[in-house]
Protein backbone atom coordinates (compact mmCIF):
# COMPACT_ATOMS: atom_id res chain seq x y z
CA MET A 1 -13.75 24.71 -22.74
CA LEU A 2 -13.75 22.73 -19.54
CA PRO A 3 -17.08 21.77 -17.94
CA ASP A 4 -18.10 23.68 -14.80
CA TYR A 5 -17.17 20.89 -12.42
CA LEU A 6 -13.56 21.30 -13.56
CA SER A 7 -13.29 25.00 -14.43
CA LYS A 8 -14.70 26.00 -11.03
CA ALA A 9 -12.68 23.50 -9.01
CA SER A 10 -9.98 24.74 -6.66
CA PRO A 11 -7.51 22.62 -4.67
CA ASN A 12 -7.64 22.43 -0.90
CA PRO A 13 -4.79 24.68 0.33
CA ALA A 14 -2.13 23.43 2.73
CA SER A 15 -3.44 25.78 5.41
CA ASN A 16 -6.70 23.79 5.60
CA ARG A 17 -5.01 20.43 6.11
CA GLY A 18 -4.20 18.60 9.31
CA PRO A 19 -2.57 15.49 10.81
CA TRP A 20 -3.87 12.03 9.96
CA PHE A 21 -5.22 11.38 13.44
CA SER A 22 -7.56 14.38 13.22
CA ASN A 23 -9.20 13.60 9.87
CA THR A 24 -8.46 10.52 7.74
CA ALA A 25 -8.03 7.88 10.46
CA PRO A 26 -11.12 8.69 12.57
CA THR A 27 -13.30 9.17 9.49
CA TYR A 28 -12.39 5.79 8.04
CA ALA A 29 -12.59 4.10 11.44
CA GLY A 30 -16.13 5.42 11.81
CA ILE A 31 -17.04 3.89 8.45
CA PHE A 32 -15.89 0.42 9.51
CA LEU A 33 -17.47 0.68 12.96
CA TRP A 34 -20.84 1.09 11.27
CA VAL A 35 -22.86 -2.09 11.90
CA ALA A 36 -23.46 -2.62 8.17
CA PHE A 37 -19.83 -3.69 7.82
CA TYR A 38 -19.94 -6.63 10.20
CA SER A 39 -23.59 -7.55 10.79
CA GLN A 40 -23.56 -10.43 8.25
CA MET A 41 -19.83 -11.19 8.20
CA ALA A 42 -20.16 -14.51 10.04
CA GLU A 43 -22.75 -15.85 7.61
CA GLY A 44 -21.15 -18.23 5.13
CA THR A 45 -17.79 -17.91 6.86
CA LEU A 46 -17.89 -19.09 10.49
CA THR A 47 -20.48 -21.61 9.35
CA VAL A 48 -17.88 -23.47 7.26
CA ALA A 49 -14.51 -22.47 8.77
CA HIS A 50 -12.96 -21.95 12.18
CA LEU A 51 -12.40 -18.49 13.64
CA ARG A 52 -8.63 -18.49 13.07
CA VAL A 53 -9.19 -18.99 9.33
CA CYS A 54 -11.69 -16.14 9.19
CA LEU A 55 -9.39 -13.81 11.12
CA ALA A 56 -6.52 -14.64 8.77
CA ALA A 57 -8.80 -13.75 5.84
CA LEU A 58 -9.60 -10.47 7.55
CA VAL A 59 -5.87 -9.65 7.74
CA ILE A 60 -5.48 -10.35 4.02
CA ALA A 61 -8.51 -8.18 3.25
CA ALA A 62 -7.11 -5.32 5.35
CA ILE A 63 -3.80 -5.43 3.49
CA LEU A 64 -5.52 -5.49 0.09
CA CYS A 65 -7.83 -2.59 0.97
CA TYR A 66 -4.94 -0.44 2.14
CA ALA A 67 -2.46 -1.28 -0.61
CA LEU A 68 -4.74 -1.50 -3.64
CA PHE A 69 -7.95 0.41 -2.93
CA TYR A 70 -6.81 3.26 -0.66
CA ARG A 71 -3.20 4.22 -1.22
CA VAL A 72 -3.25 5.64 -4.77
CA PRO A 73 -6.58 7.55 -4.52
CA ALA A 74 -5.50 9.10 -1.20
CA THR A 75 -2.08 9.99 -2.59
CA LEU A 76 -3.66 11.66 -5.61
CA GLY A 77 -5.87 13.72 -3.32
CA MET A 78 -2.88 14.72 -1.20
CA LYS A 79 -0.72 15.67 -4.19
CA THR A 80 -3.36 17.63 -6.09
CA GLY A 81 -5.71 18.90 -3.42
CA TYR A 82 -8.60 18.00 -5.75
CA PRO A 83 -11.56 15.70 -4.95
CA LEU A 84 -12.40 12.46 -6.74
CA TYR A 85 -14.63 13.88 -9.47
CA VAL A 86 -11.80 16.19 -10.58
CA VAL A 87 -8.99 13.66 -10.33
CA GLY A 88 -11.14 11.10 -12.14
CA SER A 89 -11.28 13.33 -15.22
CA SER A 90 -7.82 12.06 -16.11
CA THR A 91 -8.85 8.41 -16.14
CA PHE A 92 -12.28 8.92 -17.73
CA GLY A 93 -12.06 12.29 -19.51
CA THR A 94 -13.65 15.70 -19.05
CA LYS A 95 -16.96 14.46 -20.48
CA GLY A 96 -16.58 10.87 -19.35
CA GLY A 97 -16.09 12.08 -15.78
CA TYR A 98 -19.74 13.08 -15.60
CA LEU A 99 -20.76 9.43 -15.41
CA MET A 100 -17.67 7.91 -13.82
CA PRO A 101 -16.88 8.41 -11.11
CA GLY A 102 -19.28 11.38 -10.77
CA LEU A 103 -22.86 10.17 -11.19
CA LEU A 104 -21.99 6.54 -10.42
CA MET A 105 -20.82 7.57 -6.95
CA GLY A 106 -24.14 9.33 -6.38
CA LEU A 107 -26.17 6.34 -7.54
CA LEU A 108 -24.31 3.94 -5.28
CA GLN A 109 -24.74 6.30 -2.34
CA ILE A 110 -28.50 5.90 -2.76
CA GLY A 111 -27.89 2.20 -2.27
CA TRP A 112 -25.84 2.87 0.86
CA PHE A 113 -28.61 5.16 2.11
CA ALA A 114 -31.06 2.30 1.62
CA VAL A 115 -28.81 -0.06 3.59
CA ALA A 116 -28.52 2.45 6.45
CA THR A 117 -32.29 3.01 6.50
CA TYR A 118 -33.03 -0.71 6.47
CA LEU A 119 -30.62 -1.54 9.29
CA SER A 120 -31.66 1.44 11.42
CA SER A 121 -35.36 0.61 11.03
CA ASP A 122 -34.72 -3.03 11.86
CA PHE A 123 -32.71 -2.14 14.99
CA ILE A 124 -35.24 0.44 16.18
CA LEU A 125 -38.06 -2.09 15.95
CA LYS A 126 -35.95 -4.75 17.66
CA GLY A 127 -35.21 -2.25 20.41
CA LEU A 128 -38.93 -1.68 20.86
CA GLY A 129 -39.54 -5.41 20.99
CA ILE A 130 -41.65 -5.32 17.83
CA VAL A 131 -41.41 -8.35 15.58
CA SER A 132 -41.39 -6.83 12.13
CA ALA A 133 -40.14 -7.39 8.60
CA PRO A 134 -39.91 -5.45 5.31
CA MET A 135 -43.27 -4.39 3.85
CA THR A 136 -45.06 -4.62 7.20
CA PRO A 137 -46.78 -1.39 8.34
CA SER A 138 -44.40 -0.82 11.27
CA PHE A 139 -41.33 -1.29 9.09
CA ILE A 140 -42.65 1.00 6.34
CA ILE A 141 -43.54 3.77 8.79
CA THR A 142 -40.22 3.51 10.65
CA GLY A 143 -38.19 3.40 7.44
CA ALA A 144 -40.02 6.33 5.88
CA LEU A 145 -39.68 8.52 8.97
CA TRP A 146 -36.00 7.64 9.47
CA GLY A 147 -35.08 8.17 5.82
CA LEU A 148 -36.93 11.45 5.35
CA VAL A 149 -35.65 12.98 8.59
CA MET A 150 -32.03 11.95 7.89
CA ALA A 151 -32.21 13.19 4.29
CA SER A 152 -33.63 16.53 5.45
CA ILE A 153 -30.80 16.94 7.93
CA ALA A 154 -28.25 16.04 5.25
CA ALA A 155 -29.74 18.53 2.81
CA LYS A 156 -29.79 21.46 5.23
CA GLY A 157 -27.61 20.80 8.25
CA ILE A 158 -24.85 18.29 7.45
CA GLN A 159 -22.33 20.41 9.36
CA TYR A 160 -24.08 19.57 12.61
CA VAL A 161 -23.88 15.86 11.87
CA ALA A 162 -20.17 16.16 11.13
CA LYS A 163 -19.60 17.72 14.55
CA VAL A 164 -21.22 14.85 16.44
CA ALA A 165 -20.03 12.03 14.16
CA SER A 166 -16.72 11.68 15.98
CA ILE A 167 -18.62 11.18 19.24
CA LEU A 168 -21.20 8.78 17.82
CA ASN A 169 -18.39 6.63 16.35
CA TRP A 170 -17.44 5.57 19.87
CA ILE A 171 -20.88 4.07 20.50
CA PRO A 172 -20.52 0.99 18.24
CA LEU A 173 -16.98 0.40 19.51
CA LEU A 174 -18.32 0.32 23.07
CA MET A 175 -21.08 -2.05 21.98
CA LEU A 176 -18.56 -4.35 20.31
CA LEU A 177 -16.49 -4.49 23.48
CA ILE A 178 -19.53 -5.25 25.63
CA VAL A 179 -20.65 -8.10 23.37
CA ILE A 180 -17.19 -9.68 23.14
CA ALA A 181 -16.86 -9.50 26.92
CA LYS A 182 -20.07 -11.49 27.30
CA THR A 183 -19.24 -14.09 24.66
CA ALA A 184 -15.46 -14.53 24.89
CA GLY A 185 -15.78 -17.59 27.11
CA GLY A 186 -17.26 -19.64 24.28
CA ILE A 187 -14.77 -18.82 21.52
CA GLY A 188 -12.76 -21.97 22.09
CA HIS A 189 -15.90 -24.10 21.80
CA HIS A 190 -17.13 -22.78 18.45
CA GLN A 191 -18.27 -25.45 16.03
CA LEU A 192 -19.21 -25.21 12.36
CA ALA A 193 -22.86 -25.06 11.36
CA ALA A 194 -24.70 -28.35 11.74
CA GLY A 195 -24.29 -30.44 8.61
CA ALA A 196 -21.90 -27.93 7.01
CA VAL A 197 -19.00 -29.18 4.91
CA PRO A 198 -15.75 -27.48 6.04
CA ASN A 199 -14.57 -25.07 3.35
CA ASP A 200 -11.73 -22.75 4.30
CA PHE A 201 -11.40 -21.43 0.74
CA ALA A 202 -15.03 -20.33 0.61
CA ALA A 203 -14.75 -18.61 3.99
CA VAL A 204 -11.58 -16.76 3.05
CA THR A 205 -12.83 -15.57 -0.33
CA THR A 206 -16.22 -14.57 1.10
CA ILE A 207 -14.61 -12.37 3.75
CA ILE A 208 -12.19 -10.79 1.28
CA ALA A 209 -15.03 -10.14 -1.18
CA GLY A 210 -17.26 -8.65 1.50
CA VAL A 211 -14.62 -6.35 2.97
CA ILE A 212 -13.45 -5.10 -0.43
CA GLY A 213 -17.03 -4.61 -1.60
CA PHE A 214 -17.88 -2.62 1.51
CA PHE A 215 -14.74 -0.50 1.16
CA ALA A 216 -14.69 0.09 -2.60
CA THR A 217 -16.56 3.41 -2.69
CA ALA A 218 -14.82 4.60 0.49
CA GLY A 219 -11.48 3.68 -1.08
CA ALA A 220 -12.22 5.84 -4.11
CA ALA A 221 -13.38 8.59 -1.74
CA GLY A 222 -9.88 8.39 -0.28
CA THR A 223 -9.09 11.00 -2.92
CA ASP A 224 -11.33 13.43 -1.04
CA PHE A 225 -9.90 12.38 2.31
CA GLY A 226 -6.39 12.77 0.89
CA THR A 227 -7.03 16.45 0.19
CA ASN A 228 -6.85 16.93 3.96
CA ALA A 229 -3.44 15.21 4.25
CA ARG A 230 -0.33 17.35 4.58
CA ASN A 231 2.15 14.83 3.23
CA ASP A 232 2.74 11.18 2.38
CA SER A 233 3.19 10.31 6.05
CA ASP A 234 -0.37 11.47 6.77
CA VAL A 235 -1.65 9.35 3.89
CA LYS A 236 0.25 6.30 5.11
CA TRP A 237 -0.66 6.45 8.78
CA GLY A 238 -4.21 7.58 8.14
CA GLY A 239 -4.69 4.44 6.06
CA LEU A 240 -2.78 2.01 8.29
CA VAL A 241 -4.84 3.02 11.31
CA GLY A 242 -8.14 4.13 9.77
CA VAL A 243 -8.32 1.33 7.19
CA GLY A 244 -6.02 -1.54 8.19
CA LEU A 245 -6.39 -1.52 11.96
CA ALA A 246 -10.07 -0.52 11.81
CA ILE A 247 -10.89 -3.52 9.60
CA LEU A 248 -9.21 -5.88 12.05
CA VAL A 249 -11.00 -4.41 15.07
CA ALA A 250 -14.43 -3.81 13.55
CA GLY A 251 -14.42 -7.16 11.77
CA GLY A 252 -12.51 -9.29 14.24
CA LEU A 253 -14.51 -8.50 17.37
CA PRO A 254 -17.91 -9.38 15.81
CA LEU A 255 -16.53 -12.58 14.28
CA ALA A 256 -15.15 -13.61 17.65
CA SER A 257 -18.42 -12.65 19.35
CA VAL A 258 -20.53 -14.78 17.01
CA ALA A 259 -18.13 -17.70 17.46
CA GLY A 260 -18.26 -17.24 21.23
CA ALA A 261 -22.05 -17.01 21.30
CA HIS A 262 -22.31 -20.33 19.47
CA GLY A 263 -19.71 -21.88 21.70
CA LEU A 264 -21.76 -20.89 24.75
CA GLY A 265 -25.01 -21.99 23.14
CA LEU A 266 -26.51 -18.50 23.43
CA VAL A 267 -27.94 -18.56 19.90
CA GLY A 268 -29.61 -21.17 17.75
CA ALA A 269 -27.58 -23.30 15.35
CA ASP A 270 -29.02 -21.32 12.42
CA LYS A 271 -28.37 -17.85 13.88
CA TRP A 272 -25.16 -16.28 12.55
CA ASN A 273 -26.10 -12.61 12.19
CA TYR A 274 -24.45 -10.25 14.67
CA ALA A 275 -27.89 -8.91 15.61
CA ASP A 276 -28.80 -12.42 16.78
CA VAL A 277 -25.90 -12.29 19.23
CA VAL A 278 -26.95 -8.88 20.53
CA GLN A 279 -30.47 -10.21 20.96
CA ALA A 280 -29.15 -13.26 22.82
CA ILE A 281 -27.62 -11.08 25.51
CA GLY A 282 -31.21 -10.54 26.53
CA GLY A 283 -33.21 -8.13 28.66
CA SER A 284 -33.14 -4.38 28.61
CA MET A 285 -29.47 -4.30 27.67
CA ALA A 286 -30.22 -5.77 24.23
CA SER A 287 -32.94 -3.17 23.63
CA VAL A 288 -30.63 -0.34 24.61
CA MET A 289 -27.88 -1.68 22.37
CA PHE A 290 -30.19 -1.90 19.37
CA PHE A 291 -31.20 1.73 19.90
CA LEU A 292 -27.56 2.79 20.24
CA PHE A 293 -26.59 0.99 17.04
CA ALA A 294 -29.41 2.84 15.27
CA ILE A 295 -28.28 6.17 16.70
CA ALA A 296 -24.71 5.43 15.61
CA SER A 297 -26.05 4.97 12.06
CA ILE A 298 -27.14 8.61 11.88
CA PRO A 299 -23.84 9.88 10.40
CA ALA A 300 -23.77 7.09 7.78
CA THR A 301 -27.38 7.76 6.70
CA CYS A 302 -26.88 11.52 6.51
CA PHE A 303 -23.50 11.40 4.78
CA CYS A 304 -24.77 8.96 2.12
CA SER A 305 -27.67 11.28 1.33
CA PHE A 306 -25.41 14.33 1.30
CA ILE A 307 -22.80 12.75 -0.99
CA ALA A 308 -25.52 11.56 -3.39
CA GLY A 309 -27.11 14.99 -3.57
CA ASN A 310 -23.75 16.72 -3.90
CA SER A 311 -22.70 14.35 -6.67
CA PHE A 312 -25.86 14.94 -8.69
CA SER A 313 -25.82 18.74 -8.21
CA THR A 314 -22.13 18.94 -9.16
CA MET A 315 -22.46 16.84 -12.29
CA ILE A 316 -25.88 18.28 -13.23
CA PRO A 317 -25.80 21.93 -12.01
CA GLY A 318 -29.37 22.57 -13.11
CA VAL A 319 -30.72 20.23 -10.42
CA PRO A 320 -30.79 21.80 -6.92
CA ARG A 321 -28.91 19.75 -4.33
CA VAL A 322 -31.85 19.65 -1.90
CA SER A 323 -34.17 18.33 -4.60
CA SER A 324 -31.76 15.64 -5.76
CA SER A 325 -31.08 14.64 -2.14
CA MET A 326 -34.77 14.17 -1.37
CA ILE A 327 -35.50 12.30 -4.63
CA GLY A 328 -32.58 9.99 -3.90
CA ALA A 329 -33.88 9.52 -0.35
CA VAL A 330 -37.30 8.43 -1.59
CA VAL A 331 -35.69 5.83 -3.86
CA GLY A 332 -33.51 4.65 -0.98
CA ILE A 333 -36.49 4.37 1.36
CA ILE A 334 -38.34 2.22 -1.17
CA LEU A 335 -35.33 -0.09 -1.46
CA ALA A 336 -35.14 -0.29 2.34
CA VAL A 337 -38.77 -0.93 3.25
CA THR A 338 -39.23 -3.51 0.49
CA GLY A 339 -36.25 -5.47 1.80
CA ALA A 340 -34.19 -5.00 -1.36
CA ALA A 341 -31.38 -3.57 0.79
CA ALA A 342 -31.37 -6.52 3.20
CA ASN A 343 -28.85 -8.71 1.36
CA LEU A 344 -25.64 -6.88 2.22
CA ILE A 345 -23.30 -9.45 0.70
CA SER A 346 -24.89 -9.07 -2.74
CA PHE A 347 -24.88 -5.27 -2.43
CA PHE A 348 -21.21 -5.27 -1.44
CA SER A 349 -20.46 -7.42 -4.49
CA ILE A 350 -22.17 -4.92 -6.80
CA VAL A 351 -20.27 -2.04 -5.22
CA GLY A 352 -16.99 -3.90 -5.61
CA ALA A 353 -17.79 -4.65 -9.24
CA SER A 354 -18.62 -0.98 -9.88
CA PHE A 355 -15.71 0.71 -8.15
CA GLY A 356 -13.05 -1.99 -8.24
CA PRO A 357 -12.22 -1.32 -11.90
CA ILE A 358 -12.46 2.45 -11.38
CA ILE A 359 -9.72 2.34 -8.74
CA GLY A 360 -7.76 -0.17 -10.82
CA ALA A 361 -7.88 2.15 -13.85
CA MET A 362 -6.96 5.19 -11.71
CA THR A 363 -3.99 3.27 -10.31
CA ALA A 364 -2.77 2.32 -13.78
CA ASP A 365 -3.21 5.91 -14.97
CA TYR A 366 -1.23 7.13 -11.96
CA MET A 367 1.61 4.70 -12.60
CA LEU A 368 1.77 5.40 -16.34
CA SER A 369 1.87 9.15 -15.64
CA GLY A 370 4.99 8.84 -13.52
CA ARG A 371 3.23 8.56 -10.14
CA LYS A 372 1.43 11.87 -10.52
CA TRP A 373 -1.88 13.23 -11.75
CA ALA A 374 -1.73 13.79 -15.50
CA GLY A 375 -4.57 16.33 -15.52
CA PRO A 376 -8.00 16.17 -17.21
CA ARG A 377 -8.11 14.46 -20.58
CA GLU A 378 -10.23 15.77 -23.41
CA GLY A 379 -13.70 14.33 -23.99
CA ILE A 380 -14.09 10.66 -23.11
CA ASN A 381 -11.05 8.59 -22.18
CA MET A 382 -11.88 5.28 -23.87
CA ALA A 383 -9.05 3.55 -22.02
CA GLY A 384 -10.84 4.24 -18.75
CA TYR A 385 -14.25 3.20 -20.02
CA LEU A 386 -12.93 0.01 -21.58
CA ALA A 387 -11.14 -0.83 -18.32
CA TRP A 388 -14.32 -0.25 -16.35
CA ALA A 389 -16.49 -2.32 -18.71
CA VAL A 390 -14.21 -5.34 -18.58
CA GLY A 391 -13.66 -4.98 -14.85
CA PHE A 392 -17.38 -4.67 -14.15
CA ILE A 393 -18.15 -7.85 -16.12
CA VAL A 394 -15.48 -9.65 -14.12
CA GLY A 395 -16.93 -8.20 -10.91
CA ILE A 396 -20.46 -9.50 -11.50
CA LEU A 397 -19.37 -13.06 -12.27
CA PRO A 398 -20.94 -14.30 -8.99
CA PHE A 399 -24.35 -13.23 -10.30
CA LEU A 400 -24.03 -14.99 -13.66
CA PRO A 401 -25.32 -18.53 -14.34
CA LEU A 402 -21.91 -20.20 -14.34
CA PRO A 403 -21.20 -23.95 -14.09
CA ASP A 404 -20.97 -25.25 -10.53
CA SER A 405 -17.35 -26.27 -11.17
CA ILE A 406 -16.41 -22.63 -11.81
CA LYS A 407 -18.74 -20.81 -9.41
CA PRO A 408 -16.63 -21.26 -6.23
CA TYR A 409 -13.60 -19.63 -7.83
CA VAL A 410 -15.10 -16.35 -9.07
CA GLN A 411 -14.68 -14.76 -5.65
CA PRO A 412 -13.31 -12.37 -4.56
CA ALA A 413 -14.75 -10.75 -7.66
CA GLY A 414 -14.12 -7.20 -6.40
CA LEU A 415 -10.39 -7.91 -6.28
CA TYR A 416 -10.44 -9.49 -9.73
CA SER A 417 -12.33 -6.47 -11.10
CA PHE A 418 -9.59 -4.16 -9.78
CA ILE A 419 -6.91 -6.29 -11.45
CA ALA A 420 -8.86 -6.41 -14.69
CA GLY A 421 -9.34 -2.62 -14.69
CA TYR A 422 -5.65 -2.08 -14.02
CA ILE A 423 -4.46 -4.40 -16.79
CA VAL A 424 -6.98 -3.29 -19.42
CA TYR A 425 -6.29 0.40 -18.80
CA GLY A 426 -2.56 -0.16 -19.19
CA ILE A 427 -3.02 -2.03 -22.46
CA ALA A 428 -5.52 0.50 -23.83
CA ALA A 429 -3.30 3.45 -22.86
CA LYS A 430 -0.31 1.86 -24.57
CA ALA A 431 -2.50 1.35 -27.64
CA GLY A 432 -3.10 5.10 -27.84
CA LEU A 433 -6.68 5.24 -26.58
CA GLN A 434 -5.94 8.06 -24.13
CA PRO A 435 -6.96 11.52 -25.44
CA LYS A 436 -4.73 14.54 -24.93
CA VAL A 437 -4.45 16.31 -21.58
CA VAL A 438 -6.30 19.62 -21.17
CA PRO A 439 -4.64 22.10 -18.78
CA MET A 440 -6.54 23.14 -15.67
CA PRO A 441 -7.08 26.93 -15.49
CA VAL A 442 -5.97 27.30 -11.88
CA ALA A 443 -3.45 25.94 -9.42
CA THR A 444 -1.96 23.16 -11.56
CA ALA A 445 1.19 23.69 -9.53
CA ALA A 446 -0.57 21.95 -6.66
CA ALA A 447 0.12 18.62 -8.33
CA ALA A 448 3.45 17.15 -7.24
């Protein structure tokens, strides 16, 4: 007997699919245009390396995200028509799929919800000219109101958010263009942080780690996006534009803006956050931009809450989706208003460590199965769980008390965790740790 999340699943028919420029590309582009992606990108990178080095690292990160973290999940979604939690039952098993990628995706979405709530609250208060910080009354009130309202919308009216998301995505792009226009004159005069020791390697690995960590869950969700692709061409171009090009634009413009702001002396020597540059523009324009960045975060906040609630209700049918969404929102609000969600680099590292090995194992499973979906495997697929465990340990190396001689070389841990998951799954599968495949009751012919 298959669990409900598999027995009741049905593939997305070809009639519901569309061209890459109407679904995959704009959806992914909107993800990268969200201010969470680039707000802290210059910290620890432009401080120790020149802009050209950081931009080169961004190109490498874009290629890795497309080739390793997007292509196979999206192709699996296109070929099968099934979402991630169904496709993942091959790599982790019919029972194992409850936890990975099912519930794990929901748990990490609470974290993303916290990040969105923290950034939105911070920008709203900056727009109002209120000097605030986590755990202050103004921050707590703003965070609680933002989080509860967004979670309520996600629980009951996500379709309305989806309709306006494509419009709101243009707001941050416009803001990026305005900021670069005002700071471009100083790009050639950018200097490293005062007293900093030049370190190109650290800058490159930090950018790659940050981009991969930010993208890891979205890369896995490429399976869901792929269900809307008609063919391999849609998968390819949706990723090249929505992932590759979007990373270069949404990451490159802020990096150049921060470099330019320092070159012009618009910000202090210790100010490397993108919000500092927006603030430096000054006057009413800065206030308006902070409000617009907050408004543009509405889709991200709502979608994170919706995905979390949907994940929990799918994996645990006895829990109503609205209830799980609101409980998750409360947890996310607490993480936001206490400041736990403020360190984006650390959060991205945890996400990369969690989902890097999942995508690595899925990729190995796909390759071993002849570049197709094998189908759900009975019980718990120990090959998948072993691959995830090893990959996760590799992914959290930056948080472990390692010798200083080793510490600089453990990044980009998210990439290493993918490689570890891929290799370990292949070895475990060859060793016979994969259980037998259980046939799906409907539409197995959808898999190509």
